């Protein structure tokens, strides 16, 4: 399976390069909201090795960047990231 290399996102004044498993997390969340356990299972199924600590750090960073929101331990993609999903679907 070919893994995506990355994509540039503009968050405020500074651009941010989203790569690897963080990009995979953002793409997994474009379909439906998921818990951390569901995301870990999906990443493992897609071929990304991850441990709970790394997953939590990645989700925290995506939350700080405003790419993902969390409520009741369920992670959802924000509306601002819709353009990323549309761009990737066109490719």
N, C-alpha and C. Protein backbone atom coordinates (compact mmCIF):
# COMPACT_ATOMS: atom_id res chain seq x y z
N UNK A 1 0.84 -1.18 0.00
CA UNK A 1 0.00 0.00 0.00
C UNK A 1 0.88 1.24 0.00
N UNK A 2 0.58 2.18 -0.87
CA UNK A 2 1.35 3.41 -0.94
C UNK A 2 0.81 4.39 0.10
N UNK A 3 1.68 4.85 0.98
CA UNK A 3 1.28 5.78 2.02
C UNK A 3 1.46 7.21 1.53
N UNK A 4 0.54 8.12 1.88
CA UNK A 4 0.68 9.50 1.48
C UNK A 4 1.92 10.13 2.12
N UNK A 5 2.60 11.00 1.39
CA UNK A 5 3.81 11.62 1.91
C UNK A 5 3.52 12.80 2.81
N UNK A 6 2.56 13.61 2.46
CA UNK A 6 2.22 14.74 3.30
C UNK A 6 1.50 15.82 2.54
N UNK A 7 1.05 16.82 3.29
CA UNK A 7 0.34 17.95 2.70
C UNK A 7 0.60 19.18 3.57
N UNK A 8 0.71 20.34 2.94
CA UNK A 8 0.90 21.59 3.66
C UNK A 8 -0.46 22.16 4.04
N UNK A 9 -0.58 22.58 5.30
CA UNK A 9 -1.78 23.25 5.79
C UNK A 9 -1.39 24.61 6.32
N UNK A 10 -2.22 25.59 6.12
CA UNK A 10 -1.97 26.91 6.70
C UNK A 10 -2.81 27.04 7.95
N UNK A 11 -2.15 27.17 9.07
CA UNK A 11 -2.81 27.34 10.36
C UNK A 11 -2.38 28.68 10.91
N UNK A 12 -3.21 29.71 10.74
CA UNK A 12 -2.83 31.05 11.16
C UNK A 12 -1.80 31.62 10.20
N UNK A 13 -0.72 32.15 10.74
CA UNK A 13 0.32 32.74 9.90
C UNK A 13 1.32 31.73 9.38
N UNK A 14 1.50 30.64 10.11
CA UNK A 14 2.53 29.68 9.76
C UNK A 14 1.95 28.44 9.08
N UNK A 15 2.63 27.96 8.04
CA UNK A 15 2.19 26.70 7.43
C UNK A 15 2.64 25.52 8.29
N UNK A 16 1.94 24.42 8.16
CA UNK A 16 2.27 23.20 8.91
C UNK A 16 2.24 22.04 7.93
N UNK A 17 3.29 21.22 7.94
CA UNK A 17 3.37 20.07 7.05
C UNK A 17 2.87 18.84 7.78
N UNK A 18 1.76 18.30 7.34
CA UNK A 18 1.12 17.15 7.95
C UNK A 18 1.58 15.89 7.23
N UNK A 19 2.26 14.99 7.95
CA UNK A 19 2.83 13.79 7.33
C UNK A 19 2.46 12.52 8.09
N UNK A 20 2.78 11.40 7.50
CA UNK A 20 2.72 10.09 8.15
C UNK A 20 1.42 9.77 8.83
N UNK A 21 1.54 9.32 10.06
CA UNK A 21 0.35 8.86 10.76
C UNK A 21 -0.58 10.01 11.14
N UNK A 22 -0.07 11.24 11.25
CA UNK A 22 -0.97 12.38 11.52
C UNK A 22 -1.86 12.65 10.32
N UNK A 23 -1.29 12.55 9.13
CA UNK A 23 -2.09 12.69 7.92
C UNK A 23 -3.10 11.55 7.83
N UNK A 24 -2.67 10.34 8.16
CA UNK A 24 -3.57 9.19 8.14
C UNK A 24 -4.71 9.38 9.14
N UNK A 25 -4.42 9.92 10.32
CA UNK A 25 -5.47 10.19 11.30
C UNK A 25 -6.49 11.19 10.77
N UNK A 26 -6.00 12.27 10.17
CA UNK A 26 -6.90 13.28 9.63
C UNK A 26 -7.78 12.70 8.53
N UNK A 27 -7.19 11.84 7.70
CA UNK A 27 -7.96 11.23 6.62
C UNK A 27 -8.97 10.21 7.14
N UNK A 28 -8.60 9.48 8.19
CA UNK A 28 -9.55 8.52 8.78
C UNK A 28 -10.75 9.24 9.39
N UNK A 29 -10.51 10.42 9.95
CA UNK A 29 -11.59 11.15 10.60
C UNK A 29 -12.48 11.89 9.62
N UNK A 30 -12.11 11.94 8.34
CA UNK A 30 -12.99 12.64 7.39
C UNK A 30 -14.25 11.84 7.13
N UNK A 31 -14.22 10.53 7.34
CA UNK A 31 -15.39 9.70 7.08
C UNK A 31 -16.40 9.73 8.23
N UNK A 32 -15.92 9.50 9.44
CA UNK A 32 -16.83 9.48 10.59
C UNK A 32 -16.04 9.72 11.87
N UNK A 33 -16.69 10.25 12.91
CA UNK A 33 -16.03 10.44 14.20
C UNK A 33 -15.65 9.09 14.80
N UNK A 34 -14.52 9.05 15.53
CA UNK A 34 -14.04 7.80 16.11
C UNK A 34 -13.38 8.05 17.46
N UNK A 35 -13.33 7.00 18.27
CA UNK A 35 -12.59 7.06 19.52
C UNK A 35 -11.14 6.71 19.24
N UNK A 36 -10.29 6.91 20.24
CA UNK A 36 -8.87 6.60 20.07
C UNK A 36 -8.65 5.11 19.80
N UNK A 37 -9.42 4.25 20.45
CA UNK A 37 -9.28 2.81 20.23
C UNK A 37 -9.66 2.43 18.80
N UNK A 38 -10.72 3.02 18.28
CA UNK A 38 -11.12 2.75 16.90
C UNK A 38 -10.07 3.25 15.91
N UNK A 39 -9.50 4.41 16.20
CA UNK A 39 -8.45 4.94 15.33
C UNK A 39 -7.21 4.06 15.34
N UNK A 40 -6.83 3.56 16.52
CA UNK A 40 -5.67 2.67 16.62
C UNK A 40 -5.89 1.40 15.81
N UNK A 41 -7.08 0.84 15.89
CA UNK A 41 -7.39 -0.37 15.12
C UNK A 41 -7.35 -0.09 13.62
N UNK A 42 -7.89 1.05 13.21
CA UNK A 42 -7.90 1.40 11.78
C UNK A 42 -6.49 1.65 11.26
N UNK A 43 -5.64 2.32 12.06
CA UNK A 43 -4.26 2.56 11.65
C UNK A 43 -3.49 1.25 11.51
N UNK A 44 -3.70 0.34 12.45
CA UNK A 44 -3.04 -0.96 12.38
C UNK A 44 -3.48 -1.72 11.14
N UNK A 45 -4.77 -1.63 10.83
CA UNK A 45 -5.30 -2.30 9.64
C UNK A 45 -4.71 -1.71 8.36
N UNK A 46 -4.44 -0.39 8.36
CA UNK A 46 -3.89 0.28 7.18
C UNK A 46 -2.38 0.10 7.06
N UNK A 47 -1.75 -0.47 8.08
CA UNK A 47 -0.31 -0.74 7.98
C UNK A 47 0.57 0.21 8.77
N UNK A 48 -0.01 1.09 9.56
CA UNK A 48 0.77 2.00 10.41
C UNK A 48 0.91 1.38 11.79
N UNK A 49 2.14 1.23 12.25
CA UNK A 49 2.35 0.75 13.61
C UNK A 49 2.24 1.93 14.57
N UNK A 50 1.47 1.77 15.62
CA UNK A 50 1.29 2.85 16.57
C UNK A 50 1.09 2.28 17.97
N UNK A 51 1.55 3.03 18.95
CA UNK A 51 1.30 2.67 20.34
C UNK A 51 0.39 3.74 20.94
N UNK A 52 -0.27 3.44 22.03
CA UNK A 52 -1.24 4.39 22.60
C UNK A 52 -0.65 5.76 22.94
N UNK A 53 0.58 5.80 23.43
CA UNK A 53 1.20 7.07 23.80
C UNK A 53 1.43 7.94 22.57
N UNK A 54 1.94 7.36 21.51
CA UNK A 54 2.18 8.11 20.28
C UNK A 54 0.87 8.58 19.66
N UNK A 55 -0.14 7.73 19.71
CA UNK A 55 -1.45 8.09 19.17
C UNK A 55 -2.03 9.27 19.94
N UNK A 56 -1.96 9.25 21.26
CA UNK A 56 -2.48 10.34 22.07
C UNK A 56 -1.74 11.64 21.79
N UNK A 57 -0.41 11.57 21.64
CA UNK A 57 0.38 12.77 21.32
C UNK A 57 -0.01 13.33 19.96
N UNK A 58 -0.21 12.46 19.00
CA UNK A 58 -0.59 12.91 17.65
C UNK A 58 -1.98 13.54 17.66
N UNK A 59 -2.91 12.92 18.37
CA UNK A 59 -4.27 13.48 18.44
C UNK A 59 -4.27 14.81 19.19
N UNK A 60 -3.43 14.93 20.22
CA UNK A 60 -3.32 16.20 20.95
C UNK A 60 -2.77 17.30 20.04
N UNK A 61 -1.76 16.97 19.23
CA UNK A 61 -1.20 17.97 18.33
C UNK A 61 -2.23 18.39 17.27
N UNK A 62 -2.96 17.42 16.72
CA UNK A 62 -3.99 17.75 15.74
C UNK A 62 -5.09 18.60 16.36
N UNK A 63 -5.39 18.36 17.62
CA UNK A 63 -6.39 19.16 18.33
C UNK A 63 -5.89 20.59 18.52
N UNK A 64 -4.62 20.73 18.94
CA UNK A 64 -4.04 22.07 19.12
C UNK A 64 -4.01 22.85 17.82
N UNK A 65 -3.78 22.17 16.71
CA UNK A 65 -3.74 22.83 15.40
C UNK A 65 -5.12 23.18 14.88
N UNK A 66 -6.15 22.63 15.49
CA UNK A 66 -7.52 22.90 15.06
C UNK A 66 -7.99 22.00 13.94
N UNK A 67 -7.26 20.95 13.65
CA UNK A 67 -7.64 20.02 12.60
C UNK A 67 -8.69 19.04 13.11
N UNK A 68 -8.58 18.69 14.38
CA UNK A 68 -9.47 17.71 15.02
C UNK A 68 -10.05 18.34 16.27
N UNK A 69 -11.31 18.05 16.55
CA UNK A 69 -11.91 18.45 17.82
C UNK A 69 -12.29 17.20 18.59
N UNK A 70 -12.36 17.33 19.91
CA UNK A 70 -12.69 16.17 20.74
C UNK A 70 -13.80 16.55 21.72
N UNK A 71 -14.78 15.67 21.85
CA UNK A 71 -15.82 15.82 22.86
C UNK A 71 -16.27 14.43 23.27
N UNK A 72 -16.31 14.21 24.56
CA UNK A 72 -16.68 12.90 25.11
C UNK A 72 -15.79 11.78 24.58
N UNK A 73 -14.50 12.06 24.44
CA UNK A 73 -13.49 11.11 23.96
C UNK A 73 -13.73 10.64 22.52
N UNK A 74 -14.53 11.37 21.77
CA UNK A 74 -14.77 11.06 20.37
C UNK A 74 -14.12 12.18 19.55
N UNK A 75 -13.25 11.79 18.62
CA UNK A 75 -12.53 12.74 17.80
C UNK A 75 -13.27 12.97 16.50
N UNK A 76 -13.39 14.25 16.12
CA UNK A 76 -14.08 14.63 14.90
C UNK A 76 -13.20 15.60 14.13
N UNK A 77 -13.32 15.57 12.83
CA UNK A 77 -12.59 16.54 12.02
C UNK A 77 -13.35 17.85 12.08
N UNK A 78 -12.62 18.96 12.06
CA UNK A 78 -13.26 20.27 12.09
C UNK A 78 -13.70 20.65 10.69
N UNK A 79 -14.57 21.61 10.60
CA UNK A 79 -15.06 22.04 9.29
C UNK A 79 -13.97 22.72 8.48
N UNK A 80 -12.97 23.29 9.16
CA UNK A 80 -11.88 23.98 8.47
C UNK A 80 -11.05 23.03 7.62
N UNK A 81 -11.05 21.78 7.97
CA UNK A 81 -10.22 20.80 7.25
C UNK A 81 -10.97 20.22 6.05
N UNK A 82 -12.19 20.67 5.81
CA UNK A 82 -12.97 20.16 4.70
C UNK A 82 -12.25 20.37 3.38
N UNK A 83 -11.54 21.49 3.24
CA UNK A 83 -10.82 21.76 1.99
C UNK A 83 -9.74 20.72 1.75
N UNK A 84 -9.10 20.24 2.82
CA UNK A 84 -8.09 19.18 2.69
C UNK A 84 -8.73 17.92 2.13
N UNK A 85 -9.87 17.55 2.66
CA UNK A 85 -10.55 16.34 2.20
C UNK A 85 -10.97 16.48 0.74
N UNK A 86 -11.46 17.66 0.36
CA UNK A 86 -11.88 17.87 -1.03
C UNK A 86 -10.68 17.81 -1.97
N UNK A 87 -9.55 18.41 -1.58
CA UNK A 87 -8.36 18.40 -2.42
C UNK A 87 -7.86 16.97 -2.62
N UNK A 88 -7.86 16.17 -1.56
CA UNK A 88 -7.35 14.81 -1.66
C UNK A 88 -8.28 13.92 -2.46
N UNK A 89 -9.58 14.18 -2.41
CA UNK A 89 -10.52 13.38 -3.19
C UNK A 89 -10.38 13.67 -4.68
N UNK A 90 -10.01 14.91 -5.02
CA UNK A 90 -9.84 15.28 -6.42
C UNK A 90 -8.62 14.62 -7.04
N UNK A 91 -7.59 14.35 -6.24
CA UNK A 91 -6.34 13.75 -6.75
C UNK A 91 -6.46 12.31 -7.06
